[in-house]
């Protein structure tokens, strides 16, 4: 991470330029979060078009989220070194070209590689845009500006599944990527004209060895978990990848102790709430990252929903999640972080496992209630985990801690889809031998396993002090939940 310094910038921008810049950053955040969810309802249609099995498309989702996790540590350094306008313009351009390549893909491998390119651009849109806001707006307008930027980021995941299903049904899956192209072209032009440029002349040397160790660890653990199910990697190779991943993470720890300016300082883990919150996020979010992938597949592949109907069924989850956010603060103030997080993590696990009861004959109203309950407890889980993780960072560790937290969020989302895909592939292979083409039992077994993984992570939050009730310090409102 770069050291604080006085950045250089151009002349004070006009009010019009500031307004346009806010819309640019907000639109970039919207595009990034939209593409994190819009693909999920289109996976079966993509599989049919590309000649693949619907249950073997998880790499399309993993490629995007894992690439974003890999690029997060380097995005701030690039903005400091090359300037916010140049990097933000490059991010939009790469994201737009990646979207166009996705729409032009004719094979699964082409689509995965295109999603990697899209993820490289998407990973830099929010952090670089947020940095531009921080350096351009006066202190008294900083929080209102970030709040404005955050709103589209909340709308993106809300409408993503429904919009994706609708586009697939009225046109084709290609349009979920093509809609980014005109927006990206306009964004490139507006960024070149209106985005103020700033850079940090005292940017320290980038910790390339530490970065490579982190990337090696993240990529190898993803290949180890997904390789057996999707790539046909043998058990011995999976074991080697797991050992290599563990060795890379341990090597980074040893490296960070000896390096004056590591990407992420290990001193962050001396903060107990940060350590517990980060580890809890890592494991609890595996289940939460799996559900947006599993539910649309269950509805379409196993229960016969159309893509648009499957997208609509995700609205109760998002709506209930938005309404439940205010409740969790009151619960924490009354019962404390430990009791709320331990109880709610178990409830989230049970809510995930309850989808093992889904059948084609289940009443619609009951399915909607089930989705709403899951959305409510899952949203409370995110809010409680986020505030716990960031509440005691203070000013000194806020930048590095936020970046590490964002990396863990994206990595756990990737691991969630990886684990879900591997479980679903394994169980569908077992079930096919016993019941032919019926895949409903495979989904049931997968939901139970994901629920158990999530509920088991409640033990991590049990390490908190029972009287921990302080509200969180004000953090960046644009942080994803």
Foldseek 3Di string as FASTA:
>chain_A
DWDDDQKDWDPQADPVLLVLLLVLLLVLLLLLLLVLQLCQLQQCQVCVQQVHHSLQLLLLNLLQLLLLLLQLLCLVLCCQVVWLLVLLLVLLVQLLVLLVQCLVDNHSVSNSVSSNSNNNSSSNSNVSSLVLLVNRDDPVCNQVSLVSSQVSNLVSNLQSQLVSLVCCVVPRNSVSSVVSNVVSVVSSVSSVPRRIIIHHPPTDDAPVLLSVLQSLLLVLLLCLLQCVLRVVDDPVSSVVSNVSNVVSVVVSLVVLVPDPDHSAHPVLVVPPLQVLLLLLLLQLCLLVLQVSNLQSCCCPVAQNDRSNVSSVLLNLLSVLLVVQQVVLLVVCQVFNLLVLQLVLLLVLLVLLLVCLVDDNPDDPVVSSVSSNSNSNSVSSNVNSSVLSNQQPCPDVRNVSSLSVSSSSNSSSSSSSSSNLSRQLSVLCVVVCVVPNNNSSNSSSVSSNVSSVSRSVSSVSSNPDDRPHRDTGDDDRPNDDD
